[in-house]
Each structure stands twice: as C-alpha cells, then as structure tokens.
C-alpha cells in the first residue's frame, strides 16, 4: 500500500508541476504554431508518414506515456518519467517546452526552451491538430528514397568497431552517456539522420566551424562507421 501511495504521489507531482507553471494554452492558433514548428523540423516530424529522426516522430503524441514510443532510443531520464506517470497532454507539453532540462533533467533534447507563452500555445495547438488522426508510422520501415548528398554512405553497412575508434574526437564534446548538457546528444541516433547531419556539416549546409573541421576529412566508410557505433549505444 505504501509503495502504491508513493507511486501516486509521483504522478500527482508531475500533474501539479504542469499546472503550477502558468498555462500557455488559451487560444492557441495552429496556423501560427506551424510557423513555430519550423524550428523543430530538423529533429521531429509530424503528420502523415512521419518517422523517427534525430528526435521521435510526434504523431499521436497526446495521451502517450513519455519515452514509450517503439523504435526510438529515449534517454533513461525520460523513460523513468514515463514510468512514474508522465503522459503528454497540453499541460505537460507546455511545461516541458518551457524548460525541457528543468522538467526532465537528463533529457537528450538539447533545445533550451521556449519562453514565450503565445509561441508555446500556438505550437501545442498545431501539434494537436497535426497529430490527431495521423496514421501511426512503422518504425522499422525503410525511409522514403530521396536524392541527397549522403546517399552512398547511408547504403554502407558501417563497422561499429571502426566507429568506436573514430569516436575519440567526438566524445570530447558529445557525452557518450547520451546526456545533452548544452551540446546535443548523438547517442542512439538513427543511421540515416546521423549520416545526413554529418554531410550537412561537411558541405556547410549547416554552418558550424568546428563540425566542418571534424567532418571535412571523413569518407563515406568512416561516416557510416560512426553512424553504426553511435546508433548502437543506449542513452543512460
């Protein structure tokens, strides 16, 4: 009985935390929220055919236990929050989006937070409209073919052992535990998303001087190996 009461207390605490931080929810505009979501698209997909990328897809996110979607490597922190009773709804998303690391310490999401109440309200309204009735994507299905610069590396079966050797330079910044303390986590990334990101840095599609220097001498086999190694790790 005591154990059950403690579990209920944790769940109640999560709900109270969501309600005590000020609501951003009244009058959210989905059309404006779609504009806000443009900043999220590099990691998340939503709507028909959405798939996991750097972050999990957000179809049918409302009513879902946190950290529970199959086919994505969530942080241990988020999985624990889900087991303690955190379910995504307008209130909990509002608090999480305001300060992700404060609400779920140890989350892999490197986004620092969205301070504007109106932006959060609009984004949540858009997510609810876009994800409401969207067919669930098959997490094991192959991504739709696309003409992109990293296509050759994406088709290579990377060597995780080589990737581990090459990762020495990566882990000077990116924590192998999967924590994202100011620097994005790359642990557990899907292979295609990982390869695409490195090629975008390599060709300056993503402007980042350090990452461009790190990737400029990497060949297809090496990028595929890094993707295989980091994709094999489980966030702690």
C-alpha atoms as a PDB file:
ATOM      1  CA  UNK A   1       0.000   0.000   0.000  1.00  0.00           C
ATOM      2  CA  UNK A   2       2.839   2.404   0.886  1.00  0.00           C
ATOM      3  CA  UNK A   3       4.547   1.645  -2.395  1.00  0.00           C
ATOM      4  CA  UNK A   4       1.337   2.411  -4.294  1.00  0.00           C
ATOM      5  CA  UNK A   5       0.899   5.691  -2.427  1.00  0.00           C
ATOM      6  CA  UNK A   6       4.438   6.752  -3.299  1.00  0.00           C
ATOM      7  CA  UNK A   7       3.760   5.981  -6.978  1.00  0.00           C
ATOM      8  CA  UNK A   8       0.552   8.017  -6.882  1.00  0.00           C
ATOM      9  CA  UNK A   9       2.439  10.842  -5.232  1.00  0.00           C
ATOM     10  CA  UNK A  10       4.970  10.980  -8.054  1.00  0.00           C
ATOM     11  CA  UNK A  11       2.209  11.025 -10.668  1.00  0.00           C
ATOM     12  CA  UNK A  12       0.313  13.723  -8.806  1.00  0.00           C
ATOM     13  CA  UNK A  13       3.509  15.740  -8.507  1.00  0.00           C
ATOM     14  CA  UNK A  14       4.023  15.651 -12.255  1.00  0.00           C
ATOM     15  CA  UNK A  15       0.477  16.832 -12.827  1.00  0.00           C
ATOM     16  CA  UNK A  16       0.773  19.625 -10.251  1.00  0.00           C
ATOM     17  CA  UNK A  17       4.068  20.755 -11.751  1.00  0.00           C
ATOM     18  CA  UNK A  18       2.375  21.049 -15.127  1.00  0.00           C
ATOM     19  CA  UNK A  19      -0.438  23.156 -13.722  1.00  0.00           C
ATOM     20  CA  UNK A  20       1.677  25.388 -11.476  1.00  0.00           C
ATOM     21  CA  UNK A  21       3.937  26.951 -14.106  1.00  0.00           C
ATOM     22  CA  UNK A  22       1.360  29.110 -15.835  1.00  0.00           C
ATOM     23  CA  UNK A  23      -0.703  27.978 -18.796  1.00  0.00           C
ATOM     24  CA  UNK A  24       0.250  28.922 -22.338  1.00  0.00           C
ATOM     25  CA  UNK A  25      -2.741  27.126 -23.717  1.00  0.00           C
ATOM     26  CA  UNK A  26      -5.651  29.505 -24.112  1.00  0.00           C
ATOM     27  CA  UNK A  27      -6.402  30.429 -27.702  1.00  0.00           C
ATOM     28  CA  UNK A  28      -3.569  28.625 -29.438  1.00  0.00           C
ATOM     29  CA  UNK A  29      -3.507  29.163 -33.218  1.00  0.00           C
ATOM     30  CA  UNK A  30      -2.469  26.040 -35.194  1.00  0.00           C
ATOM     31  CA  UNK A  31      -1.540  28.111 -38.261  1.00  0.00           C
ATOM     32  CA  UNK A  32       0.873  30.212 -36.218  1.00  0.00           C
ATOM     33  CA  UNK A  33       2.052  27.059 -34.455  1.00  0.00           C
ATOM     34  CA  UNK A  34       3.109  25.568 -37.780  1.00  0.00           C
ATOM     35  CA  UNK A  35       5.459  28.523 -38.215  1.00  0.00           C
ATOM     36  CA  UNK A  36       6.879  27.934 -34.730  1.00  0.00           C
ATOM     37  CA  UNK A  37       7.330  24.239 -35.549  1.00  0.00           C
ATOM     38  CA  UNK A  38       9.697  25.143 -38.394  1.00  0.00           C
ATOM     39  CA  UNK A  39      12.437  25.389 -35.742  1.00  0.00           C
ATOM     40  CA  UNK A  40      11.645  21.815 -34.630  1.00  0.00           C
ATOM     41  CA  UNK A  41      11.672  20.165 -38.068  1.00  0.00           C
ATOM     42  CA  UNK A  42      15.398  19.410 -38.067  1.00  0.00           C
ATOM     43  CA  UNK A  43      14.726  16.832 -35.321  1.00  0.00           C
ATOM     44  CA  UNK A  44      10.993  15.980 -35.347  1.00  0.00           C
ATOM     45  CA  UNK A  45       8.399  15.012 -37.929  1.00  0.00           C
ATOM     46  CA  UNK A  46       4.635  15.171 -37.516  1.00  0.00           C
ATOM     47  CA  UNK A  47       1.731  14.318 -39.782  1.00  0.00           C
ATOM     48  CA  UNK A  48       1.028  11.529 -42.238  1.00  0.00           C
ATOM     49  CA  UNK A  49       4.123   9.437 -42.980  1.00  0.00           C
ATOM     50  CA  UNK A  50       6.198  10.964 -40.177  1.00  0.00           C
ATOM     51  CA  UNK A  51       9.125   8.869 -38.970  1.00  0.00           C
ATOM     52  CA  UNK A  52      11.773   8.992 -36.285  1.00  0.00           C
ATOM     53  CA  UNK A  53      14.737  11.232 -36.987  1.00  0.00           C
ATOM     54  CA  UNK A  54      17.108  12.854 -34.533  1.00  0.00           C
ATOM     55  CA  UNK A  55      14.065  13.048 -32.296  1.00  0.00           C
ATOM     56  CA  UNK A  56      10.984  10.800 -32.183  1.00  0.00           C
ATOM     57  CA  UNK A  57       8.066  11.469 -34.511  1.00  0.00           C
ATOM     58  CA  UNK A  58       5.208  13.335 -32.839  1.00  0.00           C
ATOM     59  CA  UNK A  59       2.173  11.671 -34.381  1.00  0.00           C
ATOM     60  CA  UNK A  60      -0.466  10.855 -31.778  1.00  0.00           C
ATOM     61  CA  UNK A  61       1.719  12.348 -29.075  1.00  0.00           C
ATOM     62  CA  UNK A  62      -1.290  13.444 -26.987  1.00  0.00           C
ATOM     63  CA  UNK A  63      -2.175  10.812 -24.389  1.00  0.00           C
ATOM     64  CA  UNK A  64       1.124   8.953 -24.892  1.00  0.00           C
ATOM     65  CA  UNK A  65       3.296   7.911 -21.959  1.00  0.00           C
ATOM     66  CA  UNK A  66       6.602   9.768 -22.119  1.00  0.00           C
ATOM     67  CA  UNK A  67       9.521   7.767 -23.505  1.00  0.00           C
ATOM     68  CA  UNK A  68       7.339   4.866 -24.622  1.00  0.00           C
ATOM     69  CA  UNK A  69       7.292   5.002 -28.430  1.00  0.00           C
ATOM     70  CA  UNK A  70       8.875   1.926 -30.031  1.00  0.00           C
ATOM     71  CA  UNK A  71      11.834   2.310 -32.333  1.00  0.00           C
ATOM     72  CA  UNK A  72      13.413   5.361 -30.690  1.00  0.00           C
ATOM     73  CA  UNK A  73      16.278   5.442 -28.159  1.00  0.00           C
ATOM     74  CA  UNK A  74      14.934   7.705 -25.421  1.00  0.00           C
ATOM     75  CA  UNK A  75      17.057   8.879 -22.512  1.00  0.00           C
ATOM     76  CA  UNK A  76      16.814   6.895 -19.306  1.00  0.00           C
ATOM     77  CA  UNK A  77      15.558  10.085 -17.627  1.00  0.00           C
ATOM     78  CA  UNK A  78      12.546  10.358 -19.955  1.00  0.00           C
ATOM     79  CA  UNK A  79      11.767   6.641 -19.727  1.00  0.00           C
ATOM     80  CA  UNK A  80      11.770   6.929 -15.935  1.00  0.00           C
ATOM     81  CA  UNK A  81       9.436   9.932 -16.054  1.00  0.00           C
ATOM     82  CA  UNK A  82       7.047   7.933 -18.207  1.00  0.00           C
ATOM     83  CA  UNK A  83       7.152   5.016 -15.790  1.00  0.00           C
ATOM     84  CA  UNK A  84       6.379   7.465 -12.972  1.00  0.00           C
ATOM     85  CA  UNK A  85       3.250   8.673 -14.748  1.00  0.00           C
ATOM     86  CA  UNK A  86       4.240  11.440 -17.142  1.00  0.00           C
ATOM     87  CA  UNK A  87       1.783  11.468 -20.054  1.00  0.00           C
ATOM     88  CA  UNK A  88       1.933  14.048 -22.837  1.00  0.00           C
ATOM     89  CA  UNK A  89      -1.015  16.405 -22.959  1.00  0.00           C
ATOM     90  CA  UNK A  90      -1.408  20.148 -23.439  1.00  0.00           C
ATOM     91  CA  UNK A  91      -0.401  20.944 -19.858  1.00  0.00           C
ATOM     92  CA  UNK A  92       2.660  18.686 -19.621  1.00  0.00           C
ATOM     93  CA  UNK A  93       3.901  19.690 -23.078  1.00  0.00           C
ATOM     94  CA  UNK A  94       3.553  23.329 -22.050  1.00  0.00           C
ATOM     95  CA  UNK A  95       5.836  22.848 -19.037  1.00  0.00           C
ATOM     96  CA  UNK A  96       8.319  20.655 -20.915  1.00  0.00           C
ATOM     97  CA  UNK A  97       8.641  23.045 -23.840  1.00  0.00           C
ATOM     98  CA  UNK A  98       9.217  25.960 -21.487  1.00  0.00           C
ATOM     99  CA  UNK A  99      12.336  24.376 -19.916  1.00  0.00           C
ATOM    100  CA  UNK A 100      12.972  20.764 -21.005  1.00  0.00           C
ATOM    101  CA  UNK A 101      16.048  20.184 -18.851  1.00  0.00           C
ATOM    102  CA  UNK A 102      14.324  21.573 -15.762  1.00  0.00           C
ATOM    103  CA  UNK A 103      11.241  19.383 -16.186  1.00  0.00           C
ATOM    104  CA  UNK A 104      13.127  16.216 -17.199  1.00  0.00           C
ATOM    105  CA  UNK A 105      16.756  16.532 -16.019  1.00  0.00           C
ATOM    106  CA  UNK A 106      18.894  14.360 -18.267  1.00  0.00           C
ATOM    107  CA  UNK A 107      16.638  14.502 -21.322  1.00  0.00           C
ATOM    108  CA  UNK A 108      18.510  14.154 -24.614  1.00  0.00           C
ATOM    109  CA  UNK A 109      16.641  17.087 -26.144  1.00  0.00           C
ATOM    110  CA  UNK A 110      19.220  19.870 -26.369  1.00  0.00           C
ATOM    111  CA  UNK A 111      16.605  22.586 -27.003  1.00  0.00           C
ATOM    112  CA  UNK A 112      16.956  25.111 -24.184  1.00  0.00           C
ATOM    113  CA  UNK A 113      13.305  26.060 -24.015  1.00  0.00           C
ATOM    114  CA  UNK A 114      10.561  28.305 -25.350  1.00  0.00           C
ATOM    115  CA  UNK A 115       9.883  31.222 -23.008  1.00  0.00           C
ATOM    116  CA  UNK A 116       7.014  32.814 -24.933  1.00  0.00           C
ATOM    117  CA  UNK A 117       3.588  31.721 -23.696  1.00  0.00           C
ATOM    118  CA  UNK A 118       1.946  32.531 -27.014  1.00  0.00           C
ATOM    119  CA  UNK A 119       4.512  30.561 -29.025  1.00  0.00           C
ATOM    120  CA  UNK A 120       4.026  27.527 -26.796  1.00  0.00           C
ATOM    121  CA  UNK A 121       0.247  27.784 -27.014  1.00  0.00           C
ATOM    122  CA  UNK A 122       0.383  28.021 -30.801  1.00  0.00           C
ATOM    123  CA  UNK A 123       2.870  25.157 -31.126  1.00  0.00           C
ATOM    124  CA  UNK A 124       0.812  22.874 -28.901  1.00  0.00           C
ATOM    125  CA  UNK A 125      -2.339  23.716 -30.865  1.00  0.00           C
ATOM    126  CA  UNK A 126      -0.517  22.837 -34.097  1.00  0.00           C
ATOM    127  CA  UNK A 127       0.833  19.556 -32.719  1.00  0.00           C
ATOM    128  CA  UNK A 128      -2.619  18.543 -31.536  1.00  0.00           C
ATOM    129  CA  UNK A 129      -4.179  19.331 -34.915  1.00  0.00           C
ATOM    130  CA  UNK A 130      -1.368  17.767 -36.968  1.00  0.00           C
ATOM    131  CA  UNK A 131      -1.027  14.604 -34.920  1.00  0.00           C
ATOM    132  CA  UNK A 132      -4.712  13.903 -34.173  1.00  0.00           C
ATOM    133  CA  UNK A 133      -5.738  11.111 -36.558  1.00  0.00           C
ATOM    134  CA  UNK A 134      -2.430  10.674 -38.294  1.00  0.00           C
ATOM    135  CA  UNK A 135      -1.740   7.021 -39.104  1.00  0.00           C
ATOM    136  CA  UNK A 136       0.978   5.512 -36.969  1.00  0.00           C
ATOM    137  CA  UNK A 137       4.263   5.146 -38.840  1.00  0.00           C
ATOM    138  CA  UNK A 138       6.056   1.815 -38.947  1.00  0.00           C
ATOM    139  CA  UNK A 139       9.323   2.488 -37.057  1.00  0.00           C
ATOM    140  CA  UNK A 140      11.006  -0.411 -38.845  1.00  0.00           C
ATOM    141  CA  UNK A 141      10.113   0.704 -42.348  1.00  0.00           C
ATOM    142  CA  UNK A 142      12.815   1.988 -44.664  1.00  0.00           C
ATOM    143  CA  UNK A 143      12.830   5.767 -45.129  1.00  0.00           C
ATOM    144  CA  UNK A 144      11.393   7.107 -48.340  1.00  0.00           C
ATOM    145  CA  UNK A 145      14.073   7.363 -51.023  1.00  0.00           C
ATOM    146  CA  UNK A 146      15.470  10.836 -51.506  1.00  0.00           C
ATOM    147  CA  UNK A 147      18.200  12.367 -53.611  1.00  0.00           C
ATOM    148  CA  UNK A 148      20.737  13.634 -51.096  1.00  0.00           C
ATOM    149  CA  UNK A 149      24.474  14.048 -50.700  1.00  0.00           C
ATOM    150  CA  UNK A 150      24.855  11.324 -48.075  1.00  0.00           C
ATOM    151  CA  UNK A 151      23.034   8.617 -50.037  1.00  0.00           C
ATOM    152  CA  UNK A 152      26.149   6.494 -50.671  1.00  0.00           C
ATOM    153  CA  UNK A 153      27.167   6.453 -47.015  1.00  0.00           C
ATOM    154  CA  UNK A 154      23.607   5.647 -45.995  1.00  0.00           C
ATOM    155  CA  UNK A 155      23.769   2.437 -48.011  1.00  0.00           C
ATOM    156  CA  UNK A 156      27.021   1.270 -46.393  1.00  0.00           C
ATOM    157  CA  UNK A 157      26.873  -1.216 -43.526  1.00  0.00           C
ATOM    158  CA  UNK A 158      29.096   0.686 -41.104  1.00  0.00           C
ATOM    159  CA  UNK A 159      31.665  -1.016 -38.882  1.00  0.00           C
ATOM    160  CA  UNK A 160      30.880  -0.166 -35.222  1.00  0.00           C
ATOM    161  CA  UNK A 161      34.448  -1.074 -34.121  1.00  0.00           C
ATOM    162  CA  UNK A 162      35.911   1.432 -36.562  1.00  0.00           C
ATOM    163  CA  UNK A 163      33.293   3.926 -35.442  1.00  0.00           C
ATOM    164  CA  UNK A 164      34.304   3.476 -31.808  1.00  0.00           C
ATOM    165  CA  UNK A 165      37.922   4.197 -32.750  1.00  0.00           C
ATOM    166  CA  UNK A 166      36.954   7.293 -34.725  1.00  0.00           C
ATOM    167  CA  UNK A 167      34.626   8.483 -31.955  1.00  0.00           C
ATOM    168  CA  UNK A 168      37.504   9.587 -29.723  1.00  0.00           C
ATOM    169  CA  UNK A 169      37.318  13.050 -31.232  1.00  0.00           C
ATOM    170  CA  UNK A 170      33.518  13.172 -30.994  1.00  0.00           C
ATOM    171  CA  UNK A 171      33.308  12.339 -27.286  1.00  0.00           C
ATOM    172  CA  UNK A 172      35.478  15.279 -26.311  1.00  0.00           C
ATOM    173  CA  UNK A 173      32.263  17.304 -26.761  1.00  0.00           C
ATOM    174  CA  UNK A 174      29.355  14.853 -27.085  1.00  0.00           C
ATOM    175  CA  UNK A 175      28.840  12.804 -23.935  1.00  0.00           C
ATOM    176  CA  UNK A 176      28.862   9.029 -24.548  1.00  0.00           C
ATOM    177  CA  UNK A 177      26.237   8.703 -21.799  1.00  0.00           C
ATOM    178  CA  UNK A 178      23.751  10.484 -24.071  1.00  0.00           C
ATOM    179  CA  UNK A 179      23.294  13.494 -21.798  1.00  0.00           C
ATOM    180  CA  UNK A 180      22.825  16.835 -23.532  1.00  0.00           C
ATOM    181  CA  UNK A 181      24.264  19.490 -21.223  1.00  0.00           C
ATOM    182  CA  UNK A 182      24.437  22.327 -23.722  1.00  0.00           C
ATOM    183  CA  UNK A 183      25.824  20.118 -26.533  1.00  0.00           C
ATOM    184  CA  UNK A 184      23.402  17.889 -28.465  1.00  0.00           C
ATOM    185  CA  UNK A 185      23.383  14.182 -27.706  1.00  0.00           C
ATOM    186  CA  UNK A 186      24.285  11.907 -30.629  1.00  0.00           C
ATOM    187  CA  UNK A 187      23.834   8.607 -28.781  1.00  0.00           C
ATOM    188  CA  UNK A 188      21.202   6.344 -30.310  1.00  0.00           C
ATOM    189  CA  UNK A 189      20.620   8.487 -33.397  1.00  0.00           C
ATOM    190  CA  UNK A 190      19.032   6.676 -36.357  1.00  0.00           C
ATOM    191  CA  UNK A 191      21.643   5.900 -39.002  1.00  0.00           C
ATOM    192  CA  UNK A 192      20.112   7.946 -41.821  1.00  0.00           C
ATOM    193  CA  UNK A 193      19.666  11.043 -39.647  1.00  0.00           C
ATOM    194  CA  UNK A 194      23.235  10.739 -38.349  1.00  0.00           C
ATOM    195  CA  UNK A 195      24.776  10.410 -41.810  1.00  0.00           C
ATOM    196  CA  UNK A 196      22.678  13.265 -43.170  1.00  0.00           C
ATOM    197  CA  UNK A 197      23.743  15.559 -40.332  1.00  0.00           C
ATOM    198  CA  UNK A 198      27.467  14.874 -40.856  1.00  0.00           C
ATOM    199  CA  UNK A 199      27.212  15.522 -44.579  1.00  0.00           C
ATOM    200  CA  UNK A 200      25.338  18.751 -43.950  1.00  0.00           C
ATOM    201  CA  UNK A 201      28.177  19.913 -41.697  1.00  0.00           C
ATOM    202  CA  UNK A 202      30.784  18.632 -44.153  1.00  0.00           C
ATOM    203  CA  UNK A 203      29.290  20.676 -47.003  1.00  0.00           C
ATOM    204  CA  UNK A 204      28.417  23.700 -44.839  1.00  0.00           C
ATOM    205  CA  UNK A 205      24.667  23.258 -45.287  1.00  0.00           C
ATOM    206  CA  UNK A 206      24.754  23.526 -41.506  1.00  0.00           C
ATOM    207  CA  UNK A 207      27.158  26.321 -40.646  1.00  0.00           C
ATOM    208  CA  UNK A 208      29.359  25.227 -37.732  1.00  0.00           C
ATOM    209  CA  UNK A 209      33.102  25.769 -37.992  1.00  0.00           C
ATOM    210  CA  UNK A 210      34.136  23.063 -35.509  1.00  0.00           C
ATOM    211  CA  UNK A 211      31.891  20.412 -37.048  1.00  0.00           C
ATOM    212  CA  UNK A 212      33.027  21.340 -40.544  1.00  0.00           C
ATOM    213  CA  UNK A 213      36.650  20.803 -39.486  1.00  0.00           C
ATOM    214  CA  UNK A 214      35.776  17.479 -37.831  1.00  0.00           C
ATOM    215  CA  UNK A 215      33.897  16.128 -40.858  1.00  0.00           C
ATOM    216  CA  UNK A 216      35.865  17.513 -43.800  1.00  0.00           C
ATOM    217  CA  UNK A 217      38.309  14.580 -43.980  1.00  0.00           C
ATOM    218  CA  UNK A 218      35.777  11.830 -43.236  1.00  0.00           C
ATOM    219  CA  UNK A 219      34.945   9.480 -46.101  1.00  0.00           C
ATOM    220  CA  UNK A 220      31.759   7.513 -46.677  1.00  0.00           C
ATOM    221  CA  UNK A 221      33.012   4.405 -44.847  1.00  0.00           C
ATOM    222  CA  UNK A 222      34.088   6.441 -41.827  1.00  0.00           C
ATOM    223  CA  UNK A 223      30.815   8.342 -41.606  1.00  0.00           C
ATOM    224  CA  UNK A 224      28.883   5.077 -41.918  1.00  0.00           C
ATOM    225  CA  UNK A 225      31.063   3.577 -39.166  1.00  0.00           C
ATOM    226  CA  UNK A 226      30.406   6.482 -36.810  1.00  0.00           C
ATOM    227  CA  UNK A 227      26.677   6.214 -37.507  1.00  0.00           C
ATOM    228  CA  UNK A 228      26.778   2.482 -36.749  1.00  0.00           C
ATOM    229  CA  UNK A 229      28.702   2.968 -33.500  1.00  0.00           C
ATOM    230  CA  UNK A 230      26.648   5.806 -32.028  1.00  0.00           C
ATOM    231  CA  UNK A 231      23.435   4.183 -33.221  1.00  0.00           C
ATOM    232  CA  UNK A 232      24.350   1.030 -31.261  1.00  0.00           C
ATOM    233  CA  UNK A 233      24.638   2.900 -27.946  1.00  0.00           C
ATOM    234  CA  UNK A 234      21.786   3.216 -25.465  1.00  0.00           C
ATOM    235  CA  UNK A 235      21.291   6.525 -23.645  1.00  0.00           C
ATOM    236  CA  UNK A 236      21.989   6.234 -19.929  1.00  0.00           C
END
